[in-house]
Amino acid sequence: GQSAAALRDLTSQNRPLFQARLRALRDKRGWAHDQFLKEAAPIVQDDRTDAFDKTSSELLADIERMGAEGSAAPTPDCAALARLRTRMEALVEAQKQKWAYLIEKVDRELAR
């Protein structure tokens, strides 16, 4: 529902922006394709992005498990629904932070 739409919106807004900045960095540095892939790798993935991905994976696993439990429950559980909503909001927030970090990181490289 709402969280899935927020995640799609985040990706559709940030991916083209991030990719354009990476291309600008490639052009500024004059990197050939293979060199670009090598040089951009630490910008795209590092310990911090790995931590964002780990958090997101854990939240997704929780959301899937809670969704399955909720659909198997004989009656709706408002407290469980609230916990599920909290996990979904945390997932959206983790992705917002990851995109902000990635864009800030490539912008720092562009400024050098």
Protein backbone atom coordinates (compact mmCIF):
# COMPACT_ATOMS: atom_id res chain seq x y z
CA GLY A 1 0.00 0.00 0.00
CA GLN A 2 1.25 3.35 1.12
CA SER A 3 4.78 2.23 2.04
CA ALA A 4 5.24 0.37 -1.24
CA ALA A 5 4.18 3.49 -3.13
CA ALA A 6 6.58 5.61 -1.05
CA LEU A 7 9.43 3.20 -1.84
CA ARG A 8 8.60 3.26 -5.56
CA ASP A 9 8.47 7.07 -5.48
CA LEU A 10 11.83 7.26 -3.69
CA THR A 11 13.43 5.02 -6.28
CA SER A 12 11.85 6.75 -9.27
CA GLN A 13 12.91 10.18 -7.94
CA ASN A 14 16.40 9.32 -6.76
CA ARG A 15 17.74 6.69 -9.17
CA PRO A 16 17.78 8.96 -12.26
CA LEU A 17 19.28 11.81 -10.20
CA PHE A 18 21.99 9.55 -8.77
CA GLN A 19 22.76 7.98 -12.16
CA ALA A 20 23.00 11.42 -13.79
CA ARG A 21 25.45 12.55 -11.12
CA LEU A 22 27.52 9.39 -11.58
CA ARG A 23 27.63 10.06 -15.35
CA ALA A 24 28.67 13.66 -14.65
CA LEU A 25 31.46 12.37 -12.41
CA ARG A 26 32.55 9.92 -15.12
CA ASP A 27 32.63 12.73 -17.68
CA LYS A 28 34.42 15.15 -15.32
CA ARG A 29 37.13 12.59 -14.58
CA GLY A 30 37.31 11.34 -18.18
CA TRP A 31 36.88 7.71 -17.15
CA ALA A 32 36.41 5.01 -19.76
CA HIS A 33 33.59 2.53 -19.07
CA ASP A 34 35.73 -0.10 -17.30
CA GLN A 35 37.56 2.49 -15.21
CA PHE A 36 34.22 4.11 -14.34
CA LEU A 37 32.87 0.79 -13.04
CA LYS A 38 35.98 0.34 -10.90
CA GLU A 39 36.10 3.94 -9.61
CA ALA A 40 32.34 4.21 -8.94
CA ALA A 41 32.11 0.94 -6.99
CA PRO A 42 33.19 2.44 -3.63
CA ILE A 43 30.77 5.34 -4.16
CA VAL A 44 27.84 3.01 -4.81
CA GLN A 45 28.67 0.45 -2.12
CA ASP A 46 30.55 0.74 1.15
CA ASP A 47 30.10 -0.29 4.78
CA ARG A 48 27.38 2.30 5.31
CA THR A 49 25.33 1.26 2.25
CA ASP A 50 25.79 -2.35 3.35
CA ALA A 51 24.35 -1.40 6.76
CA PHE A 52 21.37 0.32 5.09
CA ASP A 53 20.82 -2.80 2.97
CA LYS A 54 21.07 -5.11 6.00
CA THR A 55 18.55 -3.00 7.93
CA SER A 56 16.20 -2.95 4.93
CA SER A 57 16.49 -6.72 4.46
CA GLU A 58 15.73 -7.33 8.14
CA LEU A 59 12.72 -5.00 8.01
CA LEU A 60 11.44 -6.66 4.82
CA ALA A 61 11.76 -10.09 6.44
CA ASP A 62 9.83 -8.81 9.49
CA ILE A 63 7.16 -7.26 7.25
CA GLU A 64 6.73 -10.49 5.25
CA ARG A 65 6.56 -12.60 8.42
CA MET A 66 4.11 -10.25 10.12
CA GLY A 67 1.98 -10.07 6.98
CA ALA A 68 1.79 -13.86 6.81
CA GLU A 69 0.93 -14.09 10.50
CA GLY A 70 -1.72 -11.40 10.14
CA SER A 71 -3.40 -13.06 7.18
CA ALA A 72 -3.45 -16.38 9.07
CA ALA A 73 -4.97 -14.83 12.22
CA PRO A 74 -8.67 -15.58 12.79
CA THR A 75 -9.39 -11.94 13.76
CA PRO A 76 -7.65 -8.65 12.95
CA ASP A 77 -5.04 -7.61 15.51
CA CYS A 78 -4.77 -3.81 15.76
CA ALA A 79 -1.54 -3.93 17.78
CA ALA A 80 0.07 -6.22 15.19
CA LEU A 81 -1.10 -3.90 12.42
CA ALA A 82 0.47 -0.94 14.24
CA ARG A 83 3.77 -2.85 14.60
CA LEU A 84 3.65 -3.73 10.90
CA ARG A 85 3.02 -0.10 9.97
CA THR A 86 5.98 0.96 12.16
CA ARG A 87 8.26 -1.52 10.36
CA MET A 88 7.06 -0.28 6.97
CA GLU A 89 7.72 3.34 7.97
CA ALA A 90 11.20 2.36 9.21
CA LEU A 91 11.89 0.69 5.85
CA VAL A 92 10.90 3.83 3.95
CA GLU A 93 13.07 5.94 6.28
CA ALA A 94 16.08 3.62 5.82
CA GLN A 95 15.76 3.95 2.05
CA LYS A 96 15.44 7.75 2.29
CA GLN A 97 18.63 7.85 4.34
CA LYS A 98 20.44 5.56 1.91
CA TRP A 99 19.51 7.69 -1.11
CA ALA A 100 20.49 10.90 0.71
CA TYR A 101 23.83 9.35 1.66
CA LEU A 102 24.54 8.11 -1.88
CA ILE A 103 23.68 11.44 -3.50
CA GLU A 104 25.71 13.38 -0.92
CA LYS A 105 28.64 11.03 -1.52
CA VAL A 106 28.67 11.46 -5.30
CA ASP A 107 28.17 15.23 -4.89
CA ARG A 108 31.29 15.35 -2.67
CA GLU A 109 33.23 13.56 -5.40
CA LEU A 110 31.89 15.94 -8.05
CA ALA A 111 33.01 18.92 -5.95
CA ARG A 112 36.62 17.66 -5.78
